[in-house]
Amino acid sequence: MAAALCAISSCKMHFGAATPEYPSVSYFIPGECLSSTELISTLHERSGYQLTCDGRYKFALLLDLSNCEIDDSRTYSTHPRCIPSEELFSSFGENEALIKKAYNDQNYLLHNPEESYTAPDVVTILYCGGMTLVADKPFAGHPAGENLAPYCQNYYPTNGTKKPVLPNSNLAGLNNGKNFIDPLMEIPIDYGCILGHSIIFSIPTETHKVVEERVNFEITIPVKVVMYLQWINNKLADPLAPVPYREETLHCVFHTMYNLK
């Protein structure tokens, strides 16, 4: 069962006026569009929405993005695209056209040629471990306050089986692991996976039962926010220009209405 998009708790209650939700939208968003480091919880409070059909307890969060817009021209994709706004592109002045072309070329490459129906979900924010996830009650056999991150898995299955979980890739989307992204983007920074605008992961239920009981969680995710458009701009003058990025910690306090006992 999929999680319904219904924001709850003390996290932000909106996705941002410039980034409406569309079905099967392709996301390729530069780090310049990260509006804040506070994540948005999308967990639904009704029974069953966090328990997946293959016995995993699902967590779902969204990045807070701005300066984005929807392009439904289908010129570069079979899907509508969420892309940087014209205002953001125009901020690069006389280099605007060159930057937009390089961005669109990269966007085209990110569409999996073997799974053309799969809409990419890529934001140039890199994760390389260090996440913490703590609950205020015993959860899945772990005491309150213990870091649950080591027990988290990436969520997306492929052909009915989970993709291999590589080190520091438990937040990877369907095609967001370094092993898939590296040949396409060649970002010369060490990382485990690149984030999508939607961050979904899970904990196996194993022998535990889902019971109705409110649980409060806090999550922190250290990341490198890559200023991808700025990097394109810098490389126009110096092809070997280093990747501009800043280190941030994504954060959210949220609750669910179901516990694993």
C-alpha atoms as a PDB file:
ATOM      1  CA  MET A   1       0.000   0.000   0.000  1.00  0.00           C
ATOM      2  CA  ALA A   2       1.377   3.342  -1.002  1.00  0.00           C
ATOM      3  CA  ALA A   3       1.620   6.287   1.369  1.00  0.00           C
ATOM      4  CA  ALA A   4      -0.897   9.038   0.650  1.00  0.00           C
ATOM      5  CA  LEU A   5       0.583  12.498   0.450  1.00  0.00           C
ATOM      6  CA  CYS A   6      -0.786  14.032   3.597  1.00  0.00           C
ATOM      7  CA  ALA A   7       1.592  16.226   5.629  1.00  0.00           C
ATOM      8  CA  ILE A   8       1.472  15.821   9.382  1.00  0.00           C
ATOM      9  CA  SER A   9       3.167  16.795  12.621  1.00  0.00           C
ATOM     10  CA  SER A  10       5.522  19.691  13.262  1.00  0.00           C
ATOM     11  CA  CYS A  11       7.168  19.478   9.856  1.00  0.00           C
ATOM     12  CA  LYS A  12       6.194  21.956   7.179  1.00  0.00           C
ATOM     13  CA  MET A  13       2.703  21.424   5.836  1.00  0.00           C
ATOM     14  CA  HIS A  14       3.333  22.474   2.239  1.00  0.00           C
ATOM     15  CA  PHE A  15       5.482  21.437  -0.699  1.00  0.00           C
ATOM     16  CA  GLY A  16       6.027  24.935  -2.042  1.00  0.00           C
ATOM     17  CA  ALA A  17       3.887  26.967  -4.386  1.00  0.00           C
ATOM     18  CA  ALA A  18       6.336  26.555  -7.260  1.00  0.00           C
ATOM     19  CA  THR A  19       6.479  22.752  -7.076  1.00  0.00           C
ATOM     20  CA  PRO A  20       2.989  21.222  -7.322  1.00  0.00           C
ATOM     21  CA  GLU A  21       2.640  17.440  -7.297  1.00  0.00           C
ATOM     22  CA  TYR A  22       1.984  15.734 -10.626  1.00  0.00           C
ATOM     23  CA  PRO A  23       1.636  12.009 -11.342  1.00  0.00           C
ATOM     24  CA  SER A  24       4.756  10.462 -12.929  1.00  0.00           C
ATOM     25  CA  VAL A  25       6.721  13.697 -12.943  1.00  0.00           C
ATOM     26  CA  SER A  26      10.415  13.614 -13.787  1.00  0.00           C
ATOM     27  CA  TYR A  27      12.529  15.507 -11.224  1.00  0.00           C
ATOM     28  CA  PHE A  28      16.048  16.723 -11.961  1.00  0.00           C
ATOM     29  CA  ILE A  29      16.598  19.601  -9.557  1.00  0.00           C
ATOM     30  CA  PRO A  30      19.883  21.378  -8.718  1.00  0.00           C
ATOM     31  CA  GLY A  31      20.907  22.072  -5.142  1.00  0.00           C
ATOM     32  CA  GLU A  32      20.218  25.764  -5.755  1.00  0.00           C
ATOM     33  CA  CYS A  33      16.506  24.926  -5.367  1.00  0.00           C
ATOM     34  CA  LEU A  34      16.715  23.646  -1.778  1.00  0.00           C
ATOM     35  CA  SER A  35      14.590  26.145   0.136  1.00  0.00           C
ATOM     36  CA  SER A  36      15.323  24.923   3.658  1.00  0.00           C
ATOM     37  CA  THR A  37      16.841  21.961   5.473  1.00  0.00           C
ATOM     38  CA  GLU A  38      13.529  21.087   7.174  1.00  0.00           C
ATOM     39  CA  LEU A  39      11.995  18.005   5.586  1.00  0.00           C
ATOM     40  CA  ILE A  40       8.254  17.547   5.060  1.00  0.00           C
ATOM     41  CA  SER A  41       6.594  14.388   6.382  1.00  0.00           C
ATOM     42  CA  THR A  42       4.075  12.709   4.065  1.00  0.00           C
ATOM     43  CA  LEU A  43       3.010   9.833   6.311  1.00  0.00           C
ATOM     44  CA  HIS A  44      -0.723   9.172   6.497  1.00  0.00           C
ATOM     45  CA  GLU A  45      -2.302   8.602   9.897  1.00  0.00           C
ATOM     46  CA  ARG A  46      -4.777   5.920   8.836  1.00  0.00           C
ATOM     47  CA  SER A  47      -4.205   2.227   9.511  1.00  0.00           C
ATOM     48  CA  GLY A  48      -2.015   0.376   7.035  1.00  0.00           C
ATOM     49  CA  TYR A  49      -0.454   3.261   5.144  1.00  0.00           C
ATOM     50  CA  GLN A  50       2.971   2.605   6.617  1.00  0.00           C
ATOM     51  CA  LEU A  51       2.933  -1.185   6.210  1.00  0.00           C
ATOM     52  CA  THR A  52       3.983  -2.295   2.722  1.00  0.00           C
ATOM     53  CA  CYS A  53       2.759  -5.444   1.004  1.00  0.00           C
ATOM     54  CA  ASP A  54       6.139  -7.150   1.398  1.00  0.00           C
ATOM     55  CA  GLY A  55       6.356  -6.665   5.157  1.00  0.00           C
ATOM     56  CA  ARG A  56       8.202  -3.387   5.578  1.00  0.00           C
ATOM     57  CA  TYR A  57       7.360  -0.306   7.622  1.00  0.00           C
ATOM     58  CA  LYS A  58       7.587   2.727   5.369  1.00  0.00           C
ATOM     59  CA  PHE A  59       8.875   6.240   6.072  1.00  0.00           C
ATOM     60  CA  ALA A  60       8.288   9.037   3.563  1.00  0.00           C
ATOM     61  CA  LEU A  61       9.655  12.594   3.521  1.00  0.00           C
ATOM     62  CA  LEU A  62       9.930  15.388   0.968  1.00  0.00           C
ATOM     63  CA  LEU A  63      12.632  17.981   0.389  1.00  0.00           C
ATOM     64  CA  ASP A  64      11.504  21.591   0.709  1.00  0.00           C
ATOM     65  CA  LEU A  65      12.160  23.005  -2.767  1.00  0.00           C
ATOM     66  CA  SER A  66      11.601  26.369  -4.438  1.00  0.00           C
ATOM     67  CA  ASN A  67      12.462  28.081  -7.746  1.00  0.00           C
ATOM     68  CA  CYS A  68      11.002  25.116  -9.667  1.00  0.00           C
ATOM     69  CA  GLU A  69       8.325  24.847 -12.335  1.00  0.00           C
ATOM     70  CA  ILE A  70       6.579  22.157 -14.390  1.00  0.00           C
ATOM     71  CA  ASP A  71       7.497  21.723 -18.067  1.00  0.00           C
ATOM     72  CA  ASP A  72       4.936  19.573 -19.893  1.00  0.00           C
ATOM     73  CA  SER A  73       6.376  19.996 -23.374  1.00  0.00           C
ATOM     74  CA  ARG A  74       7.754  16.404 -23.415  1.00  0.00           C
ATOM     75  CA  THR A  75      10.696  17.665 -25.499  1.00  0.00           C
ATOM     76  CA  TYR A  76      13.334  15.955 -23.366  1.00  0.00           C
ATOM     77  CA  SER A  77      11.212  13.354 -21.596  1.00  0.00           C
ATOM     78  CA  THR A  78       8.133  11.178 -21.924  1.00  0.00           C
ATOM     79  CA  HIS A  79       7.026  12.638 -18.580  1.00  0.00           C
ATOM     80  CA  PRO A  80       6.226  16.160 -17.426  1.00  0.00           C
ATOM     81  CA  ARG A  81       9.391  17.579 -15.860  1.00  0.00           C
ATOM     82  CA  CYS A  82       9.924  19.525 -12.670  1.00  0.00           C
ATOM     83  CA  ILE A  83      12.843  21.792 -13.580  1.00  0.00           C
ATOM     84  CA  PRO A  84      14.568  24.962 -12.345  1.00  0.00           C
ATOM     85  CA  SER A  85      12.547  28.123 -12.921  1.00  0.00           C
ATOM     86  CA  GLU A  86      13.272  30.543 -15.757  1.00  0.00           C
ATOM     87  CA  GLU A  87      14.150  33.077 -13.077  1.00  0.00           C
ATOM     88  CA  LEU A  88      16.906  30.810 -11.758  1.00  0.00           C
ATOM     89  CA  PHE A  89      18.338  30.177 -15.227  1.00  0.00           C
ATOM     90  CA  SER A  90      18.212  33.883 -16.097  1.00  0.00           C
ATOM     91  CA  SER A  91      20.231  34.725 -12.969  1.00  0.00           C
ATOM     92  CA  PHE A  92      23.316  33.506 -14.894  1.00  0.00           C
ATOM     93  CA  GLY A  93      23.039  36.367 -17.365  1.00  0.00           C
ATOM     94  CA  GLU A  94      24.737  35.903 -20.719  1.00  0.00           C
ATOM     95  CA  ASN A  95      25.504  32.242 -19.906  1.00  0.00           C
ATOM     96  CA  GLU A  96      21.826  31.366 -19.462  1.00  0.00           C
ATOM     97  CA  ALA A  97      21.386  29.557 -22.788  1.00  0.00           C
ATOM     98  CA  LEU A  98      24.575  27.492 -22.413  1.00  0.00           C
ATOM     99  CA  ILE A  99      23.684  26.475 -18.861  1.00  0.00           C
ATOM    100  CA  LYS A 100      20.146  25.537 -19.859  1.00  0.00           C
ATOM    101  CA  LYS A 101      21.436  23.381 -22.728  1.00  0.00           C
ATOM    102  CA  ALA A 102      23.923  21.552 -20.496  1.00  0.00           C
ATOM    103  CA  TYR A 103      21.199  21.005 -17.900  1.00  0.00           C
ATOM    104  CA  ASN A 104      18.739  19.648 -20.505  1.00  0.00           C
ATOM    105  CA  ASP A 105      21.385  17.343 -21.977  1.00  0.00           C
ATOM    106  CA  GLN A 106      22.055  15.908 -18.517  1.00  0.00           C
ATOM    107  CA  ASN A 107      18.335  15.613 -17.811  1.00  0.00           C
ATOM    108  CA  TYR A 108      17.920  13.541 -20.973  1.00  0.00           C
ATOM    109  CA  LEU A 109      20.744  11.183 -19.946  1.00  0.00           C
ATOM    110  CA  LEU A 110      19.146  10.512 -16.563  1.00  0.00           C
ATOM    111  CA  HIS A 111      16.174   8.754 -18.163  1.00  0.00           C
ATOM    112  CA  ASN A 112      16.946   5.065 -17.793  1.00  0.00           C
ATOM    113  CA  PRO A 113      17.136   3.686 -21.338  1.00  0.00           C
ATOM    114  CA  GLU A 114      16.178   0.217 -20.080  1.00  0.00           C
ATOM    115  CA  GLU A 115      13.192   1.505 -18.127  1.00  0.00           C
ATOM    116  CA  SER A 116      11.934   4.439 -20.188  1.00  0.00           C
ATOM    117  CA  TYR A 117       8.687   4.488 -18.223  1.00  0.00           C
ATOM    118  CA  THR A 118      10.587   5.337 -15.043  1.00  0.00           C
ATOM    119  CA  ALA A 119      10.549   9.051 -14.266  1.00  0.00           C
ATOM    120  CA  PRO A 120      13.866  10.096 -12.705  1.00  0.00           C
ATOM    121  CA  ASP A 121      13.796  11.672  -9.248  1.00  0.00           C
ATOM    122  CA  VAL A 122      17.147  13.367  -8.759  1.00  0.00           C
ATOM    123  CA  VAL A 123      18.138  16.384  -6.680  1.00  0.00           C
ATOM    124  CA  THR A 124      21.853  17.178  -6.609  1.00  0.00           C
ATOM    125  CA  ILE A 125      22.128  16.525  -2.890  1.00  0.00           C
ATOM    126  CA  LEU A 126      24.607  13.795  -1.959  1.00  0.00           C
ATOM    127  CA  TYR A 127      24.322  11.420   1.001  1.00  0.00           C
ATOM    128  CA  CYS A 128      27.233   9.426   2.373  1.00  0.00           C
ATOM    129  CA  GLY A 129      25.971   7.993   5.649  1.00  0.00           C
ATOM    130  CA  GLY A 130      25.555   9.443   9.115  1.00  0.00           C
ATOM    131  CA  MET A 131      21.757   9.534   9.260  1.00  0.00           C
ATOM    132  CA  THR A 132      20.079   9.282  12.646  1.00  0.00           C
ATOM    133  CA  LEU A 133      16.483   8.217  13.271  1.00  0.00           C
ATOM    134  CA  VAL A 134      15.251   8.016  16.862  1.00  0.00           C
ATOM    135  CA  ALA A 135      11.847   7.243  18.359  1.00  0.00           C
ATOM    136  CA  ASP A 136      10.473   8.315  21.736  1.00  0.00           C
ATOM    137  CA  LYS A 137       9.101   4.803  22.396  1.00  0.00           C
ATOM    138  CA  PRO A 138      10.502   1.287  21.993  1.00  0.00           C
ATOM    139  CA  PHE A 139      10.187   0.490  18.273  1.00  0.00           C
ATOM    140  CA  ALA A 140      10.770  -2.782  16.367  1.00  0.00           C
ATOM    141  CA  GLY A 141      12.558  -4.314  19.333  1.00  0.00           C
ATOM    142  CA  HIS A 142      14.842  -1.331  19.903  1.00  0.00           C
ATOM    143  CA  PRO A 143      14.704   0.865  23.004  1.00  0.00           C
ATOM    144  CA  ALA A 144      13.499   4.444  22.870  1.00  0.00           C
ATOM    145  CA  GLY A 145      16.293   6.801  21.807  1.00  0.00           C
ATOM    146  CA  GLU A 146      18.378   4.189  19.985  1.00  0.00           C
ATOM    147  CA  ASN A 147      19.514   5.173  16.498  1.00  0.00           C
ATOM    148  CA  LEU A 148      17.346   3.152  14.106  1.00  0.00           C
ATOM    149  CA  ALA A 149      19.258   4.196  10.976  1.00  0.00           C
ATOM    150  CA  PRO A 150      21.409   1.012  10.810  1.00  0.00           C
ATOM    151  CA  TYR A 151      18.205  -1.013  10.409  1.00  0.00           C
ATOM    152  CA  CYS A 152      16.785   1.115   7.587  1.00  0.00           C
ATOM    153  CA  GLN A 153      16.721  -0.143   4.010  1.00  0.00           C
ATOM    154  CA  ASN A 154      16.185   1.532   0.684  1.00  0.00           C
ATOM    155  CA  TYR A 155      12.548   1.128  -0.220  1.00  0.00           C
ATOM    156  CA  TYR A 156      12.189   0.594  -3.931  1.00  0.00           C
ATOM    157  CA  PRO A 157      11.814  -2.959  -5.272  1.00  0.00           C
ATOM    158  CA  THR A 158      12.747  -4.047  -8.789  1.00  0.00           C
ATOM    159  CA  ASN A 159      10.831  -6.922 -10.386  1.00  0.00           C
ATOM    160  CA  GLY A 160       9.529  -7.964  -7.002  1.00  0.00           C
ATOM    161  CA  THR A 161      12.919  -8.003  -5.274  1.00  0.00           C
ATOM    162  CA  LYS A 162      14.790  -5.290  -3.413  1.00  0.00           C
ATOM    163  CA  LYS A 163      17.742  -3.719  -5.198  1.00  0.00           C
ATOM    164  CA  PRO A 164      21.110  -4.476  -3.576  1.00  0.00           C
ATOM    165  CA  VAL A 165      21.683  -2.145  -0.644  1.00  0.00           C
ATOM    166  CA  LEU A 166      25.116  -0.638  -1.138  1.00  0.00           C
ATOM    167  CA  PRO A 167      26.969   1.050   1.727  1.00  0.00           C
ATOM    168  CA  ASN A 168      25.447   4.431   2.535  1.00  0.00           C
ATOM    169  CA  SER A 169      22.648   3.991   0.008  1.00  0.00           C
ATOM    170  CA  ASN A 170      19.706   3.155   2.292  1.00  0.00           C
ATOM    171  CA  LEU A 171      18.084   6.417   1.146  1.00  0.00           C
ATOM    172  CA  ALA A 172      18.531   5.634  -2.551  1.00  0.00           C
ATOM    173  CA  GLY A 173      15.557   5.878  -4.856  1.00  0.00           C
ATOM    174  CA  LEU A 174      14.936   3.481  -7.721  1.00  0.00           C
ATOM    175  CA  ASN A 175      18.000   4.594  -9.697  1.00  0.00           C
ATOM    176  CA  ASN A 176      19.771   6.910  -7.245  1.00  0.00           C
ATOM    177  CA  GLY A 177      22.640   4.733  -6.079  1.00  0.00           C
ATOM    178  CA  LYS A 178      26.167   5.862  -6.861  1.00  0.00           C
ATOM    179  CA  ASN A 179      26.635   2.786  -9.074  1.00  0.00           C
ATOM    180  CA  PHE A 180      23.860   4.046 -11.385  1.00  0.00           C
ATOM    181  CA  ILE A 181      24.336   7.826 -11.133  1.00  0.00           C
ATOM    182  CA  ASP A 182      28.149   7.987 -11.393  1.00  0.00           C
ATOM    183  CA  PRO A 183      28.410   6.946 -15.066  1.00  0.00           C
ATOM    184  CA  LEU A 184      25.706   9.491 -15.969  1.00  0.00           C
ATOM    185  CA  MET A 185      26.676  12.542 -13.922  1.00  0.00           C
ATOM    186  CA  GLU A 186      30.369  12.123 -13.030  1.00  0.00           C
ATOM    187  CA  ILE A 187      30.249  14.254  -9.890  1.00  0.00           C
ATOM    188  CA  PRO A 188      33.820  13.983  -8.506  1.00  0.00           C
ATOM    189  CA  ILE A 189      32.788  13.753  -4.845  1.00  0.00           C
ATOM    190  CA  ASP A 190      32.574  10.594  -2.756  1.00  0.00           C
ATOM    191  CA  TYR A 191      28.978   9.681  -1.852  1.00  0.00           C
ATOM    192  CA  GLY A 192      26.672   6.721  -1.320  1.00  0.00           C
ATOM    193  CA  CYS A 193      23.626   7.935  -3.212  1.00  0.00           C
ATOM    194  CA  ILE A 194      22.040  11.051  -4.651  1.00  0.00           C
ATOM    195  CA  LEU A 195      18.715  12.055  -3.119  1.00  0.00           C
ATOM    196  CA  GLY A 196      15.397  12.469  -4.857  1.00  0.00           C
ATOM    197  CA  HIS A 197      12.813  15.116  -3.974  1.00  0.00           C
ATOM    198  CA  SER A 198      11.022  12.232  -2.239  1.00  0.00           C
ATOM    199  CA  ILE A 199      13.027  10.387   0.425  1.00  0.00           C
ATOM    200  CA  ILE A 200      11.506   6.983   1.140  1.00  0.00           C
ATOM    201  CA  PHE A 201      13.009   4.170   3.188  1.00  0.00           C
ATOM    202  CA  SER A 202      11.782   1.306   5.341  1.00  0.00           C
ATOM    203  CA  ILE A 203      12.432  -0.971   8.306  1.00  0.00           C
ATOM    204  CA  PRO A 204      11.597  -4.691   7.967  1.00  0.00           C
ATOM    205  CA  THR A 205       8.703  -5.714  10.214  1.00  0.00           C
ATOM    206  CA  GLU A 206      10.137  -9.238  10.639  1.00  0.00           C
ATOM    207  CA  THR A 207       8.329 -10.830  13.602  1.00  0.00           C
ATOM    208  CA  HIS A 208       6.917  -7.550  14.900  1.00  0.00           C
ATOM    209  CA  LYS A 209       3.286  -6.497  14.739  1.00  0.00           C
ATOM    210  CA  VAL A 210       1.914  -3.113  13.757  1.00  0.00           C
ATOM    211  CA  VAL A 211      -0.097  -1.747  16.686  1.00  0.00           C
ATOM    212  CA  GLU A 212      -2.004   1.512  17.019  1.00  0.00           C
ATOM    213  CA  GLU A 213       0.163   3.771  19.170  1.00  0.00           C
ATOM    214  CA  ARG A 214       1.518   7.232  18.424  1.00  0.00           C
ATOM    215  CA  VAL A 215       5.301   7.340  18.061  1.00  0.00           C
ATOM    216  CA  ASN A 216       7.303  10.548  17.717  1.00  0.00           C
ATOM    217  CA  PHE A 217      10.428  10.446  15.541  1.00  0.00           C
ATOM    218  CA  GLU A 218      13.327  12.778  14.834  1.00  0.00           C
ATOM    219  CA  ILE A 219      15.539  12.339  11.785  1.00  0.00           C
ATOM    220  CA  THR A 220      18.797  14.051  10.784  1.00  0.00           C
ATOM    221  CA  ILE A 221      20.569  13.457   7.462  1.00  0.00           C
ATOM    222  CA  PRO A 222      23.989  15.036   6.806  1.00  0.00           C
ATOM    223  CA  VAL A 223      24.359  15.877   3.105  1.00  0.00           C
ATOM    224  CA  LYS A 224      26.403  17.762   0.548  1.00  0.00           C
ATOM    225  CA  VAL A 225      24.225  20.208  -1.409  1.00  0.00           C
ATOM    226  CA  VAL A 226      25.766  20.538  -4.878  1.00  0.00           C
ATOM    227  CA  MET A 227      25.207  23.860  -6.648  1.00  0.00           C
ATOM    228  CA  TYR A 228      24.859  22.108  -9.992  1.00  0.00           C
ATOM    229  CA  LEU A 229      23.969  25.096 -12.192  1.00  0.00           C
ATOM    230  CA  GLN A 230      26.801  27.101 -10.675  1.00  0.00           C
ATOM    231  CA  TRP A 231      29.151  24.207 -11.444  1.00  0.00           C
ATOM    232  CA  ILE A 232      28.045  24.225 -15.087  1.00  0.00           C
ATOM    233  CA  ASN A 233      28.653  27.975 -15.168  1.00  0.00           C
ATOM    234  CA  ASN A 234      32.114  27.649 -13.597  1.00  0.00           C
ATOM    235  CA  LYS A 235      33.128  24.948 -16.081  1.00  0.00           C
ATOM    236  CA  LEU A 236      32.445  27.284 -19.005  1.00  0.00           C
ATOM    237  CA  ALA A 237      35.562  29.185 -17.948  1.00  0.00           C
ATOM    238  CA  ASP A 238      37.463  26.269 -16.405  1.00  0.00           C
ATOM    239  CA  PRO A 239      36.533  22.694 -17.450  1.00  0.00           C
ATOM    240  CA  LEU A 240      38.306  21.411 -14.321  1.00  0.00           C
ATOM    241  CA  ALA A 241      36.470  23.705 -11.921  1.00  0.00           C
ATOM    242  CA  PRO A 242      35.793  22.006  -8.559  1.00  0.00           C
ATOM    243  CA  VAL A 243      32.241  21.150  -7.585  1.00  0.00           C
ATOM    244  CA  PRO A 244      30.689  23.949  -5.493  1.00  0.00           C
ATOM    245  CA  TYR A 245      28.756  22.507  -2.573  1.00  0.00           C
ATOM    246  CA  ARG A 246      27.835  23.215   1.010  1.00  0.00           C
ATOM    247  CA  GLU A 247      27.458  20.772   3.869  1.00  0.00           C
ATOM    248  CA  GLU A 248      24.025  20.777   5.488  1.00  0.00           C
ATOM    249  CA  THR A 249      21.959  18.594   7.812  1.00  0.00           C
ATOM    250  CA  LEU A 250      18.402  17.791   6.756  1.00  0.00           C
ATOM    251  CA  HIS A 251      16.041  17.508   9.722  1.00  0.00           C
ATOM    252  CA  CYS A 252      12.464  16.670  10.633  1.00  0.00           C
ATOM    253  CA  VAL A 253      10.422  15.931  13.753  1.00  0.00           C
ATOM    254  CA  PHE A 254       7.305  13.947  12.858  1.00  0.00           C
ATOM    255  CA  HIS A 255       4.973  11.295  14.224  1.00  0.00           C
ATOM    256  CA  THR A 256       3.234   8.159  13.101  1.00  0.00           C
ATOM    257  CA  MET A 257       0.129   6.594  14.619  1.00  0.00           C
ATOM    258  CA  TYR A 258       1.453   3.010  14.468  1.00  0.00           C
ATOM    259  CA  ASN A 259       4.262   1.259  16.290  1.00  0.00           C
ATOM    260  CA  LEU A 260       6.148  -1.988  15.659  1.00  0.00           C
ATOM    261  CA  LYS A 261       6.056  -4.252  18.702  1.00  0.00           C
END
